[in-house]
N, C-alpha and C. Protein backbone atom coordinates (compact mmCIF):
# COMPACT_ATOMS: atom_id res chain seq x y z
N MET A 1 35.95 14.24 -24.67
CA MET A 1 34.63 13.85 -25.13
C MET A 1 33.56 14.72 -24.45
N VAL A 2 33.77 15.06 -23.19
CA VAL A 2 32.81 15.89 -22.48
C VAL A 2 32.74 17.27 -23.12
N ARG A 3 33.89 17.78 -23.56
CA ARG A 3 33.93 19.08 -24.19
C ARG A 3 33.16 19.07 -25.51
N LEU A 4 33.22 17.97 -26.26
CA LEU A 4 32.50 17.89 -27.52
C LEU A 4 30.99 17.95 -27.28
N VAL A 5 30.50 17.29 -26.22
CA VAL A 5 29.07 17.29 -25.95
C VAL A 5 28.62 18.65 -25.47
N SER A 6 29.47 19.35 -24.73
CA SER A 6 29.07 20.64 -24.20
C SER A 6 29.04 21.72 -25.27
N VAL A 7 29.69 21.52 -26.41
CA VAL A 7 29.65 22.48 -27.51
C VAL A 7 28.39 22.19 -28.30
N SER A 8 27.44 23.12 -28.27
CA SER A 8 26.14 22.86 -28.88
C SER A 8 26.20 22.79 -30.38
N GLY A 9 27.19 23.44 -31.03
CA GLY A 9 27.25 23.44 -32.48
C GLY A 9 28.03 22.26 -33.04
N SER A 10 28.55 21.41 -32.20
CA SER A 10 29.38 20.30 -32.66
C SER A 10 28.52 19.17 -33.21
N LEU A 11 28.75 18.83 -34.46
CA LEU A 11 28.01 17.74 -35.09
C LEU A 11 28.35 16.42 -34.44
N LEU A 12 29.63 16.22 -34.10
CA LEU A 12 30.06 14.97 -33.46
C LEU A 12 29.41 14.83 -32.09
N GLY A 13 29.37 15.93 -31.32
CA GLY A 13 28.74 15.89 -29.99
C GLY A 13 27.27 15.55 -30.09
N SER A 14 26.58 16.12 -31.05
CA SER A 14 25.15 15.85 -31.24
C SER A 14 24.92 14.41 -31.65
N ALA A 15 25.79 13.89 -32.52
CA ALA A 15 25.67 12.50 -32.96
C ALA A 15 25.90 11.56 -31.80
N LEU A 16 26.89 11.86 -30.95
CA LEU A 16 27.17 11.02 -29.79
C LEU A 16 25.98 11.03 -28.83
N LEU A 17 25.42 12.21 -28.59
CA LEU A 17 24.27 12.31 -27.69
C LEU A 17 23.08 11.52 -28.23
N LEU A 18 22.83 11.61 -29.54
CA LEU A 18 21.73 10.85 -30.14
C LEU A 18 21.98 9.36 -30.04
N ALA A 19 23.23 8.95 -30.23
CA ALA A 19 23.56 7.52 -30.12
C ALA A 19 23.32 7.01 -28.71
N VAL A 20 23.72 7.80 -27.71
CA VAL A 20 23.52 7.39 -26.31
C VAL A 20 22.04 7.36 -25.99
N LEU A 21 21.29 8.38 -26.40
CA LEU A 21 19.85 8.41 -26.14
C LEU A 21 19.13 7.28 -26.86
N GLY A 22 19.60 6.94 -28.05
CA GLY A 22 19.00 5.84 -28.81
C GLY A 22 19.23 4.51 -28.12
N CYS A 23 20.30 4.39 -27.37
CA CYS A 23 20.62 3.14 -26.67
C CYS A 23 19.75 2.96 -25.43
N LEU A 24 19.32 4.06 -24.80
CA LEU A 24 18.60 3.96 -23.53
C LEU A 24 17.34 3.10 -23.61
N PRO A 25 16.45 3.28 -24.59
CA PRO A 25 15.26 2.42 -24.60
C PRO A 25 15.59 0.95 -24.76
N GLY A 26 16.64 0.62 -25.49
CA GLY A 26 17.00 -0.79 -25.67
C GLY A 26 17.72 -1.37 -24.47
N CYS A 27 18.16 -0.51 -23.54
CA CYS A 27 18.94 -0.96 -22.39
C CYS A 27 18.11 -0.99 -21.12
N LYS A 28 16.79 -0.93 -21.22
CA LYS A 28 15.97 -0.80 -20.02
C LYS A 28 16.04 -2.01 -19.09
N ASN A 29 16.43 -3.17 -19.58
CA ASN A 29 16.52 -4.35 -18.73
C ASN A 29 17.87 -4.49 -18.07
N GLN A 30 18.79 -3.57 -18.36
CA GLN A 30 20.10 -3.61 -17.76
C GLN A 30 20.11 -2.77 -16.49
N ALA A 31 21.19 -2.87 -15.73
CA ALA A 31 21.33 -2.12 -14.49
C ALA A 31 21.32 -0.62 -14.80
N PRO A 32 20.80 0.22 -13.91
CA PRO A 32 20.80 1.65 -14.13
C PRO A 32 22.23 2.19 -14.18
N PRO A 33 22.43 3.39 -14.76
CA PRO A 33 23.77 3.94 -14.92
C PRO A 33 24.58 3.99 -13.64
N ALA A 34 23.97 4.20 -12.49
CA ALA A 34 24.72 4.25 -11.24
C ALA A 34 25.43 2.93 -10.99
N ALA A 35 24.83 1.81 -11.36
CA ALA A 35 25.45 0.51 -11.17
C ALA A 35 26.55 0.27 -12.19
N GLU A 36 26.55 1.05 -13.29
CA GLU A 36 27.56 0.88 -14.33
C GLU A 36 28.76 1.78 -14.12
N ALA A 37 28.85 2.47 -13.00
CA ALA A 37 29.93 3.41 -12.75
C ALA A 37 31.30 2.74 -12.81
N THR A 38 31.39 1.45 -12.57
CA THR A 38 32.67 0.75 -12.60
C THR A 38 32.96 0.17 -13.98
N ALA A 39 32.10 0.41 -14.96
CA ALA A 39 32.31 -0.13 -16.30
C ALA A 39 33.54 0.49 -16.94
N ALA A 40 34.07 -0.15 -17.97
CA ALA A 40 35.30 0.30 -18.61
C ALA A 40 35.11 1.62 -19.35
N GLU A 41 33.92 1.98 -19.74
CA GLU A 41 33.68 3.18 -20.51
C GLU A 41 32.71 4.10 -19.77
N PRO A 42 33.18 4.85 -18.76
CA PRO A 42 32.29 5.69 -17.98
C PRO A 42 31.84 6.96 -18.69
N ALA A 43 32.46 7.33 -19.81
CA ALA A 43 32.14 8.59 -20.48
C ALA A 43 30.71 8.65 -21.02
N PRO A 44 30.13 7.62 -21.67
CA PRO A 44 28.77 7.75 -22.20
C PRO A 44 27.72 8.09 -21.14
N PRO A 45 27.77 7.56 -19.90
CA PRO A 45 26.76 7.98 -18.94
C PRO A 45 26.84 9.45 -18.57
N VAL A 46 28.02 10.09 -18.68
CA VAL A 46 28.13 11.49 -18.32
C VAL A 46 27.28 12.36 -19.23
N PRO A 47 27.39 12.26 -20.59
CA PRO A 47 26.54 13.09 -21.42
C PRO A 47 25.06 12.71 -21.28
N ALA A 48 24.78 11.47 -20.96
CA ALA A 48 23.40 11.02 -20.87
C ALA A 48 22.82 11.20 -19.48
N ALA A 49 23.58 11.79 -18.56
CA ALA A 49 23.13 11.92 -17.18
C ALA A 49 21.75 12.56 -17.07
N PRO A 50 21.47 13.69 -17.76
CA PRO A 50 20.11 14.24 -17.62
C PRO A 50 19.06 13.28 -18.14
N SER A 51 19.31 12.61 -19.27
CA SER A 51 18.34 11.67 -19.81
C SER A 51 18.27 10.42 -18.96
N ALA A 52 19.43 9.96 -18.45
CA ALA A 52 19.44 8.77 -17.60
C ALA A 52 18.69 9.04 -16.31
N ALA A 53 18.85 10.26 -15.79
CA ALA A 53 18.12 10.61 -14.57
C ALA A 53 16.63 10.60 -14.84
N ALA A 54 16.24 11.07 -16.01
CA ALA A 54 14.82 11.07 -16.36
C ALA A 54 14.34 9.64 -16.60
N ALA A 55 15.23 8.78 -17.11
CA ALA A 55 14.84 7.40 -17.39
C ALA A 55 14.89 6.54 -16.14
N ALA A 56 15.68 6.90 -15.14
CA ALA A 56 15.84 6.08 -13.95
C ALA A 56 14.59 6.01 -13.08
N PRO A 57 13.82 7.11 -12.86
CA PRO A 57 12.67 7.02 -11.99
C PRO A 57 11.60 6.02 -12.41
N PRO A 58 11.28 5.82 -13.73
CA PRO A 58 10.24 4.84 -14.02
C PRO A 58 10.54 3.45 -13.50
N PRO A 59 11.81 2.90 -13.64
CA PRO A 59 12.03 1.59 -13.03
C PRO A 59 11.84 1.62 -11.52
N ALA A 60 12.30 2.69 -10.86
CA ALA A 60 12.12 2.78 -9.41
C ALA A 60 10.64 2.86 -9.08
N ALA A 61 9.88 3.64 -9.86
CA ALA A 61 8.44 3.74 -9.62
C ALA A 61 7.77 2.41 -9.88
N ALA A 62 8.24 1.68 -10.89
CA ALA A 62 7.66 0.38 -11.19
C ALA A 62 7.90 -0.58 -10.04
N VAL A 63 9.05 -0.47 -9.39
CA VAL A 63 9.34 -1.31 -8.24
C VAL A 63 8.48 -0.89 -7.06
N ALA A 64 8.27 0.43 -6.90
CA ALA A 64 7.48 0.92 -5.78
C ALA A 64 6.00 0.60 -5.94
N ASP A 65 5.49 0.58 -7.17
CA ASP A 65 4.08 0.32 -7.38
C ASP A 65 3.63 -1.04 -6.86
N PRO A 66 4.36 -2.16 -7.16
CA PRO A 66 3.91 -3.42 -6.60
C PRO A 66 3.92 -3.42 -5.08
N ALA A 67 4.87 -2.73 -4.47
CA ALA A 67 4.90 -2.68 -3.01
C ALA A 67 3.74 -1.84 -2.50
N ALA A 68 3.41 -0.80 -3.21
CA ALA A 68 2.32 0.07 -2.79
C ALA A 68 0.96 -0.56 -3.06
N ALA A 69 0.86 -1.34 -4.09
CA ALA A 69 -0.41 -1.93 -4.47
C ALA A 69 -1.03 -2.75 -3.35
N PRO A 70 -0.29 -3.66 -2.67
CA PRO A 70 -0.93 -4.40 -1.59
C PRO A 70 -1.39 -3.50 -0.46
N ALA A 71 -0.68 -2.41 -0.19
CA ALA A 71 -1.08 -1.52 0.85
C ALA A 71 -2.33 -0.76 0.52
N THR A 72 -2.55 -0.45 -0.77
CA THR A 72 -3.72 0.31 -1.16
C THR A 72 -4.88 -0.56 -1.62
N ALA A 73 -4.62 -1.78 -2.07
CA ALA A 73 -5.68 -2.67 -2.51
C ALA A 73 -6.40 -3.21 -1.29
N ALA A 74 -7.69 -3.00 -1.25
CA ALA A 74 -8.48 -3.45 -0.11
C ALA A 74 -8.67 -4.96 -0.17
N ALA A 75 -8.68 -5.59 0.99
CA ALA A 75 -8.89 -7.03 1.10
C ALA A 75 -9.67 -7.30 2.38
N SER A 76 -10.21 -8.50 2.48
CA SER A 76 -10.91 -8.87 3.71
C SER A 76 -9.99 -9.61 4.68
N LYS A 77 -8.81 -10.04 4.18
CA LYS A 77 -7.85 -10.76 5.03
C LYS A 77 -6.43 -10.35 4.68
N TYR A 78 -5.61 -10.28 5.71
CA TYR A 78 -4.17 -10.08 5.55
C TYR A 78 -3.48 -11.06 6.49
N SER A 79 -2.45 -11.71 6.02
CA SER A 79 -1.64 -12.58 6.86
C SER A 79 -0.19 -12.19 6.64
N GLU A 80 0.39 -11.56 7.62
CA GLU A 80 1.76 -11.08 7.54
C GLU A 80 2.56 -11.63 8.71
N ALA A 81 3.86 -11.49 8.69
CA ALA A 81 4.72 -12.08 9.71
C ALA A 81 4.31 -11.68 11.14
N PRO A 82 4.02 -10.39 11.41
CA PRO A 82 3.69 -10.05 12.79
C PRO A 82 2.21 -10.20 13.18
N PHE A 83 1.31 -10.36 12.19
CA PHE A 83 -0.12 -10.40 12.53
C PHE A 83 -0.95 -11.04 11.42
N ASP A 84 -2.16 -11.45 11.82
CA ASP A 84 -3.24 -11.81 10.88
C ASP A 84 -4.34 -10.79 11.11
N LEU A 85 -5.02 -10.42 10.04
CA LEU A 85 -6.08 -9.43 10.12
C LEU A 85 -7.23 -9.89 9.24
N VAL A 86 -8.46 -9.80 9.77
CA VAL A 86 -9.62 -10.20 9.00
C VAL A 86 -10.83 -9.34 9.38
N ILE A 87 -11.63 -9.01 8.37
CA ILE A 87 -12.95 -8.42 8.62
C ILE A 87 -13.95 -9.49 8.16
N GLN A 88 -14.92 -9.80 9.03
CA GLN A 88 -15.83 -10.92 8.75
C GLN A 88 -17.25 -10.58 9.18
N PRO A 89 -18.22 -11.20 8.52
CA PRO A 89 -19.62 -10.98 8.93
C PRO A 89 -19.88 -11.65 10.27
N LYS A 90 -20.85 -11.12 10.98
CA LYS A 90 -21.26 -11.71 12.26
C LYS A 90 -22.76 -11.97 12.16
N GLY A 91 -23.11 -13.19 11.76
CA GLY A 91 -24.51 -13.55 11.62
C GLY A 91 -25.06 -13.22 10.24
N ALA A 92 -26.40 -13.38 10.12
CA ALA A 92 -27.10 -13.09 8.86
C ALA A 92 -27.65 -11.66 8.94
N TYR A 93 -27.88 -11.07 7.77
CA TYR A 93 -28.33 -9.68 7.72
C TYR A 93 -29.69 -9.58 7.04
N THR A 94 -30.57 -8.80 7.68
CA THR A 94 -31.92 -8.59 7.18
C THR A 94 -32.17 -7.09 7.04
N THR A 95 -32.87 -6.71 5.98
CA THR A 95 -33.18 -5.30 5.74
C THR A 95 -33.87 -4.68 6.95
N GLY A 96 -33.37 -3.52 7.40
CA GLY A 96 -33.97 -2.78 8.49
C GLY A 96 -33.58 -3.24 9.88
N LYS A 97 -32.84 -4.34 10.01
CA LYS A 97 -32.44 -4.84 11.33
C LYS A 97 -30.95 -4.61 11.56
N ALA A 98 -30.62 -4.12 12.75
CA ALA A 98 -29.23 -3.82 13.10
C ALA A 98 -28.38 -5.08 12.97
N GLY A 99 -27.20 -4.90 12.42
CA GLY A 99 -26.26 -6.00 12.27
C GLY A 99 -24.85 -5.54 12.64
N GLU A 100 -23.93 -6.46 12.55
CA GLU A 100 -22.56 -6.14 12.93
C GLU A 100 -21.58 -6.98 12.14
N ALA A 101 -20.47 -6.36 11.78
CA ALA A 101 -19.33 -7.09 11.23
C ALA A 101 -18.24 -6.98 12.30
N GLU A 102 -17.21 -7.78 12.15
CA GLU A 102 -16.15 -7.80 13.17
C GLU A 102 -14.78 -7.77 12.51
N ILE A 103 -13.91 -6.93 13.04
CA ILE A 103 -12.52 -6.89 12.60
C ILE A 103 -11.70 -7.53 13.71
N LEU A 104 -10.87 -8.50 13.32
CA LEU A 104 -10.05 -9.23 14.30
C LEU A 104 -8.59 -9.12 13.90
N ILE A 105 -7.79 -8.57 14.80
CA ILE A 105 -6.33 -8.48 14.63
C ILE A 105 -5.72 -9.49 15.58
N SER A 106 -4.98 -10.46 15.04
CA SER A 106 -4.33 -11.48 15.86
C SER A 106 -2.82 -11.34 15.72
N ALA A 107 -2.17 -10.94 16.81
CA ALA A 107 -0.71 -10.79 16.80
C ALA A 107 -0.06 -12.16 16.86
N LYS A 108 1.02 -12.33 16.09
CA LYS A 108 1.75 -13.59 16.07
C LYS A 108 3.01 -13.44 16.95
N PRO A 109 3.38 -14.49 17.70
CA PRO A 109 4.56 -14.40 18.55
C PRO A 109 5.80 -14.01 17.74
N PRO A 110 6.61 -13.17 18.26
CA PRO A 110 6.67 -12.58 19.62
C PRO A 110 5.87 -11.29 19.76
N PHE A 111 4.99 -10.96 18.83
CA PHE A 111 4.22 -9.72 18.89
C PHE A 111 2.99 -9.87 19.78
N HIS A 112 2.50 -8.73 20.26
CA HIS A 112 1.26 -8.67 21.03
C HIS A 112 0.48 -7.43 20.60
N ALA A 113 -0.80 -7.39 20.92
CA ALA A 113 -1.64 -6.25 20.58
C ALA A 113 -1.20 -5.06 21.44
N ASN A 114 -1.12 -3.90 20.83
CA ASN A 114 -0.69 -2.69 21.53
C ASN A 114 -1.90 -2.06 22.21
N ASP A 115 -1.99 -2.20 23.54
CA ASP A 115 -3.15 -1.68 24.27
C ASP A 115 -3.11 -0.17 24.49
N LYS A 116 -2.02 0.48 24.11
CA LYS A 116 -1.91 1.93 24.27
C LYS A 116 -2.17 2.68 22.95
N TYR A 117 -2.33 1.95 21.86
CA TYR A 117 -2.52 2.59 20.56
C TYR A 117 -4.00 2.96 20.36
N PRO A 118 -4.29 4.12 19.75
CA PRO A 118 -5.69 4.50 19.49
C PRO A 118 -6.24 3.84 18.21
N TYR A 119 -6.60 2.59 18.30
CA TYR A 119 -7.16 1.85 17.16
C TYR A 119 -8.31 2.65 16.56
N LYS A 120 -8.43 2.56 15.21
CA LYS A 120 -9.49 3.31 14.55
C LYS A 120 -9.81 2.64 13.22
N PHE A 121 -11.09 2.58 12.89
CA PHE A 121 -11.53 2.10 11.58
C PHE A 121 -12.40 3.19 10.97
N LYS A 122 -11.93 3.79 9.87
CA LYS A 122 -12.66 4.85 9.18
C LYS A 122 -13.42 4.22 8.02
N LEU A 123 -14.73 4.26 8.10
CA LEU A 123 -15.58 3.65 7.08
C LEU A 123 -15.78 4.58 5.89
N ASN A 124 -15.96 3.96 4.74
CA ASN A 124 -16.37 4.68 3.54
C ASN A 124 -17.89 4.60 3.43
N GLU A 125 -18.50 5.60 2.81
CA GLU A 125 -19.94 5.54 2.56
C GLU A 125 -20.24 4.29 1.75
N ALA A 126 -21.37 3.65 2.03
CA ALA A 126 -21.75 2.44 1.32
C ALA A 126 -23.25 2.48 1.03
N PRO A 127 -23.62 2.59 -0.24
CA PRO A 127 -25.04 2.59 -0.58
C PRO A 127 -25.73 1.32 -0.06
N GLY A 128 -26.86 1.50 0.59
CA GLY A 128 -27.62 0.36 1.11
C GLY A 128 -27.25 -0.01 2.54
N LEU A 129 -26.21 0.62 3.10
CA LEU A 129 -25.81 0.35 4.49
C LEU A 129 -25.76 1.66 5.26
N LYS A 130 -26.37 1.66 6.45
CA LYS A 130 -26.32 2.84 7.31
C LYS A 130 -25.50 2.47 8.54
N PHE A 131 -24.41 3.24 8.77
CA PHE A 131 -23.52 2.94 9.89
C PHE A 131 -23.88 3.75 11.13
N SER A 132 -23.74 3.13 12.29
CA SER A 132 -23.97 3.83 13.56
C SER A 132 -22.97 4.97 13.70
N ASN A 133 -21.72 4.72 13.36
CA ASN A 133 -20.65 5.71 13.37
C ASN A 133 -19.77 5.47 12.16
N MET A 134 -19.34 6.54 11.50
CA MET A 134 -18.45 6.39 10.34
C MET A 134 -17.01 6.10 10.77
N VAL A 135 -16.74 6.26 12.08
CA VAL A 135 -15.42 5.95 12.61
C VAL A 135 -15.61 5.10 13.86
N VAL A 136 -15.00 3.91 13.87
CA VAL A 136 -15.01 3.07 15.06
C VAL A 136 -13.75 3.45 15.84
N GLU A 137 -13.94 4.01 17.03
CA GLU A 137 -12.83 4.52 17.84
C GLU A 137 -12.36 3.47 18.85
N LYS A 138 -11.25 3.80 19.53
CA LYS A 138 -10.62 2.89 20.48
C LYS A 138 -11.55 2.44 21.60
N ASP A 139 -12.46 3.31 22.03
CA ASP A 139 -13.34 2.93 23.14
C ASP A 139 -14.26 1.76 22.80
N ALA A 140 -14.47 1.48 21.52
CA ALA A 140 -15.29 0.34 21.10
C ALA A 140 -14.45 -0.92 20.89
N VAL A 141 -13.14 -0.79 20.96
CA VAL A 141 -12.22 -1.90 20.67
C VAL A 141 -11.93 -2.70 21.93
N LYS A 142 -11.96 -4.01 21.79
CA LYS A 142 -11.59 -4.90 22.90
C LYS A 142 -10.16 -5.37 22.62
N VAL A 143 -9.21 -4.95 23.47
CA VAL A 143 -7.80 -5.31 23.29
C VAL A 143 -7.42 -6.32 24.35
N GLU A 144 -6.94 -7.47 23.89
CA GLU A 144 -6.43 -8.52 24.78
C GLU A 144 -4.94 -8.65 24.50
N LYS A 145 -4.29 -9.60 25.14
CA LYS A 145 -2.84 -9.73 24.99
C LYS A 145 -2.40 -9.92 23.54
N THR A 146 -2.98 -10.86 22.83
CA THR A 146 -2.53 -11.14 21.46
C THR A 146 -3.55 -10.79 20.40
N ARG A 147 -4.65 -10.15 20.78
CA ARG A 147 -5.65 -9.82 19.77
C ARG A 147 -6.43 -8.57 20.12
N ALA A 148 -6.98 -7.97 19.10
CA ALA A 148 -7.87 -6.81 19.26
C ALA A 148 -9.08 -7.05 18.36
N THR A 149 -10.26 -6.73 18.88
CA THR A 149 -11.51 -6.94 18.16
C THR A 149 -12.26 -5.61 18.06
N LEU A 150 -12.66 -5.28 16.82
CA LEU A 150 -13.42 -4.05 16.58
C LEU A 150 -14.78 -4.43 16.01
N PRO A 151 -15.88 -4.04 16.67
CA PRO A 151 -17.21 -4.27 16.11
C PRO A 151 -17.56 -3.13 15.15
N VAL A 152 -18.19 -3.45 14.04
CA VAL A 152 -18.64 -2.44 13.08
C VAL A 152 -20.16 -2.58 12.96
N ALA A 153 -20.87 -1.68 13.63
CA ALA A 153 -22.34 -1.74 13.67
C ALA A 153 -22.92 -1.01 12.46
N PHE A 154 -23.98 -1.61 11.89
CA PHE A 154 -24.65 -1.01 10.75
C PHE A 154 -26.06 -1.57 10.63
N THR A 155 -26.86 -0.90 9.81
CA THR A 155 -28.20 -1.38 9.51
C THR A 155 -28.36 -1.42 8.00
N PRO A 156 -28.66 -2.60 7.44
CA PRO A 156 -28.90 -2.67 6.00
C PRO A 156 -30.20 -1.95 5.65
N GLU A 157 -30.16 -1.12 4.62
CA GLU A 157 -31.34 -0.37 4.21
C GLU A 157 -32.05 -1.01 3.03
N SER A 158 -31.37 -1.93 2.34
CA SER A 158 -32.00 -2.60 1.21
C SER A 158 -31.41 -4.00 1.05
N ALA A 159 -32.18 -4.87 0.44
CA ALA A 159 -31.73 -6.25 0.22
C ALA A 159 -30.73 -6.29 -0.93
N GLY A 160 -29.97 -7.35 -0.98
CA GLY A 160 -28.99 -7.53 -2.05
C GLY A 160 -27.57 -7.53 -1.53
N LYS A 161 -26.65 -7.44 -2.48
CA LYS A 161 -25.22 -7.43 -2.12
C LYS A 161 -24.74 -6.01 -1.94
N HIS A 162 -24.02 -5.79 -0.85
CA HIS A 162 -23.45 -4.48 -0.53
C HIS A 162 -21.99 -4.68 -0.14
N THR A 163 -21.22 -3.61 -0.23
CA THR A 163 -19.82 -3.70 0.14
C THR A 163 -19.50 -2.67 1.21
N MET A 164 -18.96 -3.17 2.31
CA MET A 164 -18.49 -2.34 3.41
C MET A 164 -16.98 -2.20 3.23
N SER A 165 -16.46 -0.98 3.37
CA SER A 165 -15.01 -0.80 3.23
C SER A 165 -14.54 0.35 4.10
N GLY A 166 -13.24 0.37 4.36
CA GLY A 166 -12.67 1.46 5.15
C GLY A 166 -11.20 1.20 5.41
N LYS A 167 -10.59 2.09 6.18
CA LYS A 167 -9.17 1.99 6.51
C LYS A 167 -9.02 1.76 8.00
N LEU A 168 -8.26 0.71 8.35
CA LEU A 168 -8.01 0.35 9.74
C LEU A 168 -6.62 0.83 10.14
N PHE A 169 -6.54 1.48 11.31
CA PHE A 169 -5.28 1.92 11.89
C PHE A 169 -5.07 1.11 13.17
N PHE A 170 -3.93 0.43 13.28
CA PHE A 170 -3.69 -0.46 14.42
C PHE A 170 -2.20 -0.60 14.69
N SER A 171 -1.87 -1.30 15.78
CA SER A 171 -0.47 -1.46 16.15
C SER A 171 -0.27 -2.78 16.89
N VAL A 172 0.88 -3.41 16.59
CA VAL A 172 1.33 -4.59 17.32
C VAL A 172 2.77 -4.34 17.74
N CYS A 173 3.16 -4.92 18.87
CA CYS A 173 4.51 -4.68 19.41
C CYS A 173 5.18 -5.99 19.78
N ASN A 174 6.52 -5.94 19.81
CA ASN A 174 7.30 -7.00 20.44
C ASN A 174 8.19 -6.31 21.46
N ASP A 175 9.18 -7.00 22.03
CA ASP A 175 10.02 -6.40 23.06
C ASP A 175 10.89 -5.27 22.53
N ASP A 176 11.15 -5.25 21.23
CA ASP A 176 12.07 -4.27 20.65
C ASP A 176 11.38 -3.10 19.94
N GLN A 177 10.19 -3.31 19.43
CA GLN A 177 9.57 -2.28 18.60
C GLN A 177 8.06 -2.41 18.58
N CYS A 178 7.41 -1.30 18.23
CA CYS A 178 5.98 -1.30 17.97
C CYS A 178 5.78 -0.93 16.51
N LEU A 179 4.99 -1.72 15.81
CA LEU A 179 4.67 -1.45 14.42
C LEU A 179 3.33 -0.72 14.37
N VAL A 180 3.31 0.43 13.74
CA VAL A 180 2.07 1.17 13.54
C VAL A 180 1.66 0.91 12.10
N GLU A 181 0.50 0.30 11.92
CA GLU A 181 0.06 -0.18 10.61
C GLU A 181 -1.28 0.43 10.21
N LYS A 182 -1.54 0.39 8.91
CA LYS A 182 -2.87 0.72 8.40
C LYS A 182 -3.13 -0.16 7.19
N ARG A 183 -4.37 -0.63 7.06
CA ARG A 183 -4.75 -1.49 5.95
C ARG A 183 -6.15 -1.11 5.50
N ASP A 184 -6.37 -1.22 4.18
CA ASP A 184 -7.69 -1.02 3.61
C ASP A 184 -8.43 -2.34 3.66
N LEU A 185 -9.62 -2.31 4.22
CA LEU A 185 -10.42 -3.52 4.37
C LEU A 185 -11.70 -3.40 3.56
N THR A 186 -12.18 -4.53 3.09
CA THR A 186 -13.46 -4.58 2.38
C THR A 186 -14.18 -5.88 2.73
N LEU A 187 -15.49 -5.81 2.80
CA LEU A 187 -16.31 -6.98 3.12
C LEU A 187 -17.59 -6.92 2.30
N ASP A 188 -17.89 -8.00 1.60
CA ASP A 188 -19.15 -8.09 0.87
C ASP A 188 -20.23 -8.58 1.82
N ILE A 189 -21.34 -7.88 1.83
CA ILE A 189 -22.46 -8.16 2.73
C ILE A 189 -23.64 -8.62 1.85
N ASP A 190 -24.24 -9.74 2.22
CA ASP A 190 -25.43 -10.23 1.51
C ASP A 190 -26.63 -10.03 2.44
N VAL A 191 -27.55 -9.18 2.03
CA VAL A 191 -28.70 -8.82 2.86
C VAL A 191 -29.95 -9.46 2.30
N LYS A 192 -30.72 -10.10 3.15
CA LYS A 192 -32.01 -10.74 2.76
C LYS A 192 -33.16 -9.80 2.97
């Protein structure tokens, strides 16, 4: 059967290839060809290998996208097994007056805050908000045994609703390992 498919002028080989390719879209909810290697008829996946390889990545990408989405979707809170993370307002905000938001990382047992890690929060530009620094570095971070606190200083330039966002780089450890993490954070600011 493999020889028939490899002969380009063979009508039977072409018909078999079309039949296998025609089956692929209808079989998308079944296990990928690699999982079917123990099936009673292993010959059809061989001619379809190039097409199956091309068809296999979309399901893998579809599986990867939901996992990637939470990592890339910005949020104001995260609660995961080793830590809780939140960005929150600190007080009320008035146009032209310095204000501050706070990022709080709380390690959950058996984890603790990594005092040797260079914590960093990289801010995105935000219309209506002027930041003291676009990057909050480790020297501004207060690291305690189970928590780390990062102040985010800014001055509102106009009244209304504004959005502060950026990427936080941080680490928590237990006795066996240190997790180096990054999360996209966002906070809605209401300025009077």
